[in-house]
Amino acid sequence: MSLKTVFARSPIDPYVASIVGMVVLASVLPVRGQSAAAAGIATNIAIALLFFLHGAKLSTSAALKGARHWRLHLTVLASTFLLFPALALAGRALLPNVLTPTLWAGVVLLAILPSTVQSSIAFTSIARGNVSAAICAATASNLLGMVLTPLFAGFLLSAHGGFSTHALIDIMLQLLLPFVAGQLARPWIGEWVGRHKSLLGLVDRGSILLVVYVAFSEGVTHGIWHQLGLVQLGELLAVDAALLTIVLVLTTVGSRVLGFSRADEITIVFCGSKKSLASGLPMATVLLTGADVGLLVLPLMLFHQIQLMACATLARRYGAQPLPEATTPALAAAAGD
């Protein structure tokens, strides 16, 4: 029996197993010091390459169509900045004794952060969703998050926040610039990228695995496992899992009730259900100066791992489903097929 057959028959998703493997590797052998800096640079390069390839693959008309899809973008932003905070505040009010005040504050912090970018787009691509809209939605979430997250934190966590011009520039350089470069290079390499879909899939999955390893390594080096007991950790995991489950269900049902297509539903589900560790940790450091930042960001770090593993499985299931009969070749291309 071949290795490929063993994986095909296994009840465990190989990609989920790979993500778990990155968590275990980071826990046993975290990247530190100069190696961590190098790994961070490698992650940024992988993310930029991801956007460049998506820019080269997507037709300009599809990209403009994604930017004009205002109903989808409003739905994603409502999930990110309204639904999430409402659920976190409701949980803290209804179940105050499940977590310590510090951990509940961390859950609220998690809820007011912007969406992820690279994993939202990567999972949308894997699931054959509307990638062009996902790029626009995830980017808009991060741009608005530079303003909304500090404002929400100041109101809900009594912290002092401000607009980060440096973070805004980073987003522009890491996301939009590579995408635009890919669009400009499309006349020369677009056809080649379209013929090598496995390359884009490799970058999609590889960038996520790299992000998991680097992010979790940072937590391990800061002694994340020594700051609370197993019972508290289990309770926090349950709260994070419940929060993600509720959002996934509501975004799925809501997108169908609102009449979105299957490709748009995928985009809403994956862009509207995630929270950014890459943006969240730097924001927390600035917004929560003098506080117990380690415990406050723990809910985010655990949520980040849960969302990646859950969405990896969900993306694979979406991707395995046949496209609707009404899907045209142009729409299939926009969906990342």
Protein backbone atom coordinates (compact mmCIF):
# COMPACT_ATOMS: atom_id res chain seq x y z
CA MET A 1 0.00 0.00 0.00
CA SER A 2 1.44 3.34 -1.04
CA LEU A 3 1.87 6.30 1.32
CA LYS A 4 -0.63 8.28 -0.76
CA THR A 5 -3.24 5.54 -0.27
CA VAL A 6 -2.63 5.50 3.48
CA PHE A 7 -3.25 9.25 3.70
CA ALA A 8 -6.33 8.99 1.49
CA ARG A 9 -7.88 6.33 3.76
CA SER A 10 -6.90 8.02 7.01
CA PRO A 11 -9.69 9.80 8.95
CA ILE A 12 -7.18 12.51 9.84
CA ASP A 13 -6.79 15.38 7.40
CA PRO A 14 -3.09 15.39 6.39
CA TYR A 15 -3.05 19.18 6.35
CA VAL A 16 -4.52 19.37 9.85
CA ALA A 17 -1.91 16.82 10.92
CA SER A 18 0.76 19.06 9.39
CA ILE A 19 -0.51 22.05 11.35
CA VAL A 20 -0.50 20.04 14.57
CA GLY A 21 3.00 18.95 13.68
CA MET A 22 4.09 22.58 13.42
CA VAL A 23 2.62 23.29 16.86
CA VAL A 24 4.47 20.29 18.34
CA LEU A 25 7.69 21.26 16.57
CA ALA A 26 7.42 24.83 17.85
CA SER A 27 6.78 23.55 21.39
CA VAL A 28 9.79 21.22 21.31
CA LEU A 29 12.12 23.22 19.10
CA PRO A 30 10.97 26.85 18.92
CA VAL A 31 12.84 29.24 16.70
CA ARG A 32 14.74 31.80 18.78
CA GLY A 33 16.95 34.86 18.54
CA GLN A 34 18.43 35.57 15.14
CA SER A 35 16.80 32.46 13.75
CA ALA A 36 13.41 33.87 14.76
CA ALA A 37 14.18 37.08 12.93
CA ALA A 38 15.16 35.11 9.84
CA ALA A 39 12.00 33.00 10.10
CA GLY A 40 9.94 36.18 10.35
CA ILE A 41 11.54 37.48 7.16
CA ALA A 42 10.84 34.14 5.45
CA THR A 43 7.19 34.38 6.53
CA ASN A 44 6.89 37.88 5.09
CA ILE A 45 8.43 36.69 1.83
CA ALA A 46 6.02 33.75 1.65
CA ILE A 47 3.05 36.05 2.23
CA ALA A 48 4.27 38.50 -0.42
CA LEU A 49 4.78 35.63 -2.86
CA LEU A 50 1.26 34.40 -2.13
CA PHE A 51 -0.22 37.80 -3.04
CA PHE A 52 2.00 38.13 -6.08
CA LEU A 53 0.85 34.77 -7.46
CA HIS A 54 -2.79 35.56 -6.75
CA GLY A 55 -2.34 38.88 -8.50
CA ALA A 56 -0.81 37.13 -11.50
CA LYS A 57 -3.55 34.51 -11.59
CA LEU A 58 -6.60 36.73 -11.25
CA SER A 59 -7.79 38.73 -14.21
CA THR A 60 -7.98 42.48 -13.63
CA SER A 61 -11.72 42.41 -14.26
CA ALA A 62 -12.14 39.77 -11.55
CA ALA A 63 -10.07 41.84 -9.11
CA LEU A 64 -12.15 44.97 -9.80
CA LYS A 65 -15.32 42.94 -9.44
CA GLY A 66 -14.10 41.75 -6.04
CA ALA A 67 -13.43 45.32 -4.92
CA ARG A 68 -16.94 46.40 -5.97
CA HIS A 69 -18.67 43.63 -4.04
CA TRP A 70 -19.76 45.99 -1.25
CA ARG A 71 -22.45 43.70 0.23
CA LEU A 72 -19.88 40.98 0.81
CA HIS A 73 -17.36 43.40 2.32
CA LEU A 74 -19.94 44.89 4.68
CA THR A 75 -20.96 41.38 5.78
CA VAL A 76 -17.35 40.42 6.53
CA LEU A 77 -16.69 43.66 8.42
CA ALA A 78 -19.91 43.26 10.41
CA SER A 79 -18.82 39.78 11.46
CA THR A 80 -15.30 40.93 12.33
CA PHE A 81 -16.05 44.12 14.24
CA LEU A 82 -19.68 43.70 15.43
CA LEU A 83 -20.56 40.01 15.77
CA PHE A 84 -17.29 38.95 17.41
CA PRO A 85 -17.27 41.71 20.08
CA ALA A 86 -20.97 41.16 20.82
CA LEU A 87 -20.40 37.44 21.41
CA ALA A 88 -17.31 38.03 23.58
CA LEU A 89 -19.04 40.63 25.74
CA ALA A 90 -22.12 38.42 26.07
CA GLY A 91 -19.97 35.49 27.15
CA ARG A 92 -18.18 37.58 29.77
CA ALA A 93 -21.49 38.92 31.11
CA LEU A 94 -23.27 35.56 31.19
CA LEU A 95 -20.37 33.35 32.29
CA PRO A 96 -18.03 35.59 34.30
CA ASN A 97 -16.66 32.77 36.44
CA VAL A 98 -15.64 30.47 33.60
CA LEU A 99 -12.46 32.47 33.03
CA THR A 100 -10.43 34.89 35.13
CA PRO A 101 -10.99 38.62 34.47
CA THR A 102 -7.63 38.78 32.71
CA LEU A 103 -8.45 35.92 30.36
CA TRP A 104 -11.90 37.37 29.63
CA ALA A 105 -10.18 40.66 28.79
CA GLY A 106 -7.99 38.65 26.43
CA VAL A 107 -11.08 37.17 24.77
CA VAL A 108 -12.49 40.67 24.29
CA LEU A 109 -9.14 41.77 22.84
CA LEU A 110 -9.28 38.83 20.44
CA ALA A 111 -12.81 39.82 19.39
CA ILE A 112 -11.93 43.38 18.39
CA LEU A 113 -8.93 42.49 16.22
CA PRO A 114 -9.04 42.52 12.40
CA SER A 115 -9.25 39.39 10.30
CA THR A 116 -6.24 37.44 9.16
CA VAL A 117 -5.01 38.07 5.65
CA GLN A 118 -2.82 35.27 4.37
CA SER A 119 -4.81 32.38 5.88
CA SER A 120 -8.19 33.88 4.96
CA ILE A 121 -7.14 34.15 1.33
CA ALA A 122 -5.30 30.83 1.32
CA PHE A 123 -8.28 28.94 2.72
CA THR A 124 -10.66 30.74 0.36
CA SER A 125 -8.46 29.63 -2.53
CA ILE A 126 -8.28 26.03 -1.27
CA ALA A 127 -12.07 25.96 -0.88
CA ARG A 128 -12.55 27.51 -4.37
CA GLY A 129 -14.19 30.67 -3.10
CA ASN A 130 -14.11 34.22 -4.44
CA VAL A 131 -10.40 34.94 -4.02
CA SER A 132 -10.49 38.46 -5.48
CA ALA A 133 -13.17 39.48 -2.99
CA ALA A 134 -11.25 37.75 -0.19
CA ILE A 135 -8.15 39.82 -0.93
CA CYS A 136 -10.16 43.03 -0.80
CA ALA A 137 -12.16 42.01 2.29
CA ALA A 138 -9.14 40.87 4.30
CA THR A 139 -7.14 43.95 3.35
CA ALA A 140 -10.05 46.29 4.22
CA SER A 141 -10.42 44.52 7.58
CA ASN A 142 -6.77 45.13 8.43
CA LEU A 143 -6.79 48.73 7.26
CA LEU A 144 -9.91 49.54 9.30
CA GLY A 145 -8.52 47.53 12.20
CA MET A 146 -5.68 50.01 12.54
CA VAL A 147 -8.32 52.53 13.61
CA LEU A 148 -11.18 50.47 15.04
CA THR A 149 -9.17 48.11 17.26
CA PRO A 150 -7.48 50.89 19.28
CA LEU A 151 -10.82 52.71 19.60
CA PHE A 152 -12.63 49.58 20.79
CA ALA A 153 -9.76 48.71 23.13
CA GLY A 154 -9.86 52.19 24.66
CA PHE A 155 -13.58 51.82 25.30
CA LEU A 156 -13.79 48.15 26.31
CA LEU A 157 -10.40 47.55 27.95
CA SER A 158 -9.61 51.04 29.28
CA ALA A 159 -6.48 51.09 27.17
CA HIS A 160 -4.99 53.94 25.21
CA GLY A 161 -4.69 53.26 21.49
CA GLY A 162 -3.66 55.21 18.46
CA PHE A 163 -3.37 55.03 14.72
CA SER A 164 -0.23 53.25 13.57
CA THR A 165 1.17 54.73 10.37
CA HIS A 166 3.95 52.15 10.38
CA ALA A 167 1.46 49.27 10.52
CA LEU A 168 -0.53 50.83 7.69
CA ILE A 169 2.61 51.08 5.56
CA ASP A 170 3.46 47.45 6.36
CA ILE A 171 0.03 46.33 5.17
CA MET A 172 0.38 48.29 1.96
CA LEU A 173 3.85 46.90 1.27
CA GLN A 174 3.14 43.30 2.25
CA LEU A 175 -0.32 42.89 0.71
CA LEU A 176 -1.27 45.42 -1.91
CA LEU A 177 2.11 46.03 -3.52
CA PRO A 178 2.79 42.33 -4.33
CA PHE A 179 -0.77 41.91 -5.59
CA VAL A 180 -0.46 44.94 -7.88
CA ALA A 181 2.94 43.67 -9.04
CA GLY A 182 1.34 40.34 -9.90
CA GLN A 183 -1.39 42.11 -11.83
CA LEU A 184 1.20 44.05 -13.79
CA ALA A 185 3.17 40.86 -14.49
CA ARG A 186 0.05 38.93 -15.51
CA PRO A 187 0.48 39.48 -19.30
CA TRP A 188 3.81 37.63 -19.13
CA ILE A 189 3.33 35.01 -16.39
CA GLY A 190 -0.45 34.74 -15.91
CA GLU A 191 -0.86 31.82 -18.29
CA TRP A 192 2.10 29.99 -16.72
CA VAL A 193 0.68 30.45 -13.20
CA GLY A 194 -2.70 29.21 -14.41
CA ARG A 195 -1.10 26.03 -15.75
CA HIS A 196 0.76 25.38 -12.48
CA LYS A 197 -2.05 25.41 -9.92
CA SER A 198 -0.06 23.08 -7.69
CA LEU A 199 2.50 25.85 -7.20
CA LEU A 200 -0.14 28.23 -5.89
CA GLY A 201 -1.52 25.50 -3.65
CA LEU A 202 1.96 24.84 -2.28
CA VAL A 203 2.43 28.52 -1.46
CA ASP A 204 -1.07 28.68 0.09
CA ARG A 205 -0.46 25.76 2.43
CA GLY A 206 3.21 26.38 3.01
CA SER A 207 2.69 29.99 4.07
CA ILE A 208 0.12 28.93 6.67
CA LEU A 209 2.38 26.21 8.09
CA LEU A 210 5.23 28.69 8.35
CA VAL A 211 3.01 31.25 10.09
CA VAL A 212 1.87 28.61 12.59
CA TYR A 213 5.41 27.59 13.44
CA VAL A 214 6.79 31.11 13.79
CA ALA A 215 3.80 32.43 15.76
CA PHE A 216 3.68 29.50 18.15
CA SER A 217 7.45 29.60 18.62
CA GLU A 218 7.11 33.16 19.85
CA GLY A 219 4.52 32.10 22.41
CA VAL A 220 6.61 29.20 23.62
CA THR A 221 9.69 31.38 24.09
CA HIS A 222 7.58 33.70 26.27
CA GLY A 223 6.61 30.79 28.55
CA ILE A 224 3.02 30.52 27.44
CA TRP A 225 2.54 27.06 28.98
CA HIS A 226 3.74 28.13 32.42
CA GLN A 227 1.20 30.90 33.02
CA LEU A 228 -1.92 28.86 33.76
CA GLY A 229 -3.06 25.40 34.85
CA LEU A 230 -4.48 22.62 32.73
CA VAL A 231 -8.05 23.26 33.92
CA GLN A 232 -7.87 26.94 33.02
CA LEU A 233 -6.30 26.05 29.70
CA GLY A 234 -9.12 23.62 28.96
CA GLU A 235 -11.75 26.19 29.85
CA LEU A 236 -10.09 28.79 27.64
CA LEU A 237 -9.89 26.32 24.76
CA ALA A 238 -13.60 25.59 25.18
CA VAL A 239 -14.49 29.30 25.11
CA ASP A 240 -12.36 29.89 22.01
CA ALA A 241 -13.80 26.84 20.25
CA ALA A 242 -17.36 27.88 21.11
CA LEU A 243 -16.73 31.40 19.83
CA LEU A 244 -15.34 30.13 16.54
CA THR A 245 -18.14 27.58 16.11
CA ILE A 246 -20.86 30.17 16.64
CA VAL A 247 -19.27 32.59 14.17
CA LEU A 248 -18.76 29.87 11.55
CA VAL A 249 -22.40 28.81 11.84
CA LEU A 250 -23.76 32.35 11.77
CA THR A 251 -21.62 33.43 8.80
CA THR A 252 -22.62 30.31 6.86
CA VAL A 253 -26.33 30.63 7.59
CA GLY A 254 -26.28 34.41 7.24
CA SER A 255 -24.60 34.34 3.83
CA ARG A 256 -27.20 31.90 2.55
CA VAL A 257 -30.10 33.90 3.97
CA LEU A 258 -28.70 37.03 2.31
CA GLY A 259 -28.59 35.24 -1.04
CA PHE A 260 -24.85 35.11 -1.64
CA SER A 261 -23.41 32.62 -4.12
CA ARG A 262 -21.44 29.58 -2.96
CA ALA A 263 -18.12 31.25 -3.83
CA ASP A 264 -19.12 34.38 -1.88
CA GLU A 265 -20.33 32.28 1.04
CA ILE A 266 -16.89 30.67 1.24
CA THR A 267 -15.25 34.10 1.27
CA ILE A 268 -17.57 35.38 4.00
CA VAL A 269 -17.05 32.28 6.14
CA PHE A 270 -13.26 32.32 5.95
CA CYS A 271 -12.70 36.09 6.06
CA GLY A 272 -15.39 36.77 8.66
CA SER A 273 -14.44 34.05 11.14
CA LYS A 274 -10.75 34.70 11.72
CA LYS A 275 -8.63 36.92 13.90
CA SER A 276 -5.11 38.03 13.11
CA LEU A 277 -2.28 36.92 15.36
CA ALA A 278 0.22 38.80 13.20
CA SER A 279 -1.65 42.08 13.79
CA GLY A 280 -2.92 41.20 17.25
CA LEU A 281 0.38 40.64 19.04
CA PRO A 282 1.96 43.98 17.99
CA MET A 283 -1.30 45.81 18.74
CA ALA A 284 -1.52 44.22 22.18
CA THR A 285 2.04 45.26 22.96
CA VAL A 286 1.19 48.88 22.15
CA LEU A 287 -2.34 49.02 23.55
CA LEU A 288 -1.72 47.12 26.78
CA THR A 289 1.54 48.61 27.99
CA GLY A 290 2.16 47.71 31.61
CA ALA A 291 -0.48 44.97 31.64
CA ASP A 292 -0.01 41.22 31.79
CA VAL A 293 0.31 40.98 28.04
CA GLY A 294 1.29 37.29 28.11
CA LEU A 295 -2.04 36.13 29.52
CA LEU A 296 -4.03 38.72 27.62
CA VAL A 297 -2.80 37.45 24.26
CA LEU A 298 -3.13 33.77 25.20
CA PRO A 299 -6.79 33.56 24.07
CA LEU A 300 -5.72 34.97 20.71
CA MET A 301 -2.84 32.54 20.31
CA LEU A 302 -5.02 29.52 21.09
CA PHE A 303 -7.84 30.83 18.91
CA HIS A 304 -5.38 31.28 16.08
CA GLN A 305 -4.37 27.61 16.21
CA ILE A 306 -7.97 26.42 16.54
CA GLN A 307 -9.14 28.51 13.61
CA LEU A 308 -6.34 27.25 11.37
CA MET A 309 -7.02 23.59 12.12
CA ALA A 310 -10.81 23.93 11.91
CA CYS A 311 -10.71 25.96 8.72
CA ALA A 312 -8.19 23.62 7.10
CA THR A 313 -10.73 20.83 7.43
CA LEU A 314 -13.59 23.06 6.34
CA ALA A 315 -11.68 24.36 3.32
CA ARG A 316 -10.87 20.82 2.21
CA ARG A 317 -14.55 19.85 2.45
CA TYR A 318 -15.64 22.90 0.48
CA GLY A 319 -12.98 22.20 -2.13
CA ALA A 320 -14.09 18.59 -2.51
CA GLN A 321 -17.65 19.62 -3.35
CA PRO A 322 -18.53 20.01 -7.04
CA LEU A 323 -19.02 23.54 -8.30
CA PRO A 324 -22.64 24.55 -8.96
CA GLU A 325 -23.81 23.71 -12.48
CA ALA A 326 -24.40 27.40 -13.17
CA THR A 327 -20.76 28.23 -12.47
CA THR A 328 -19.12 29.57 -15.60
CA PRO A 329 -15.42 29.15 -16.45
CA ALA A 330 -14.86 32.83 -15.57
CA LEU A 331 -16.49 32.44 -12.17
CA ALA A 332 -14.55 29.24 -11.57
CA ALA A 333 -11.32 31.12 -12.21
CA ALA A 334 -12.37 33.85 -9.78
CA ALA A 335 -13.16 31.15 -7.23
CA GLY A 336 -9.62 29.88 -7.37
CA ASP A 337 -10.56 26.64 -9.14
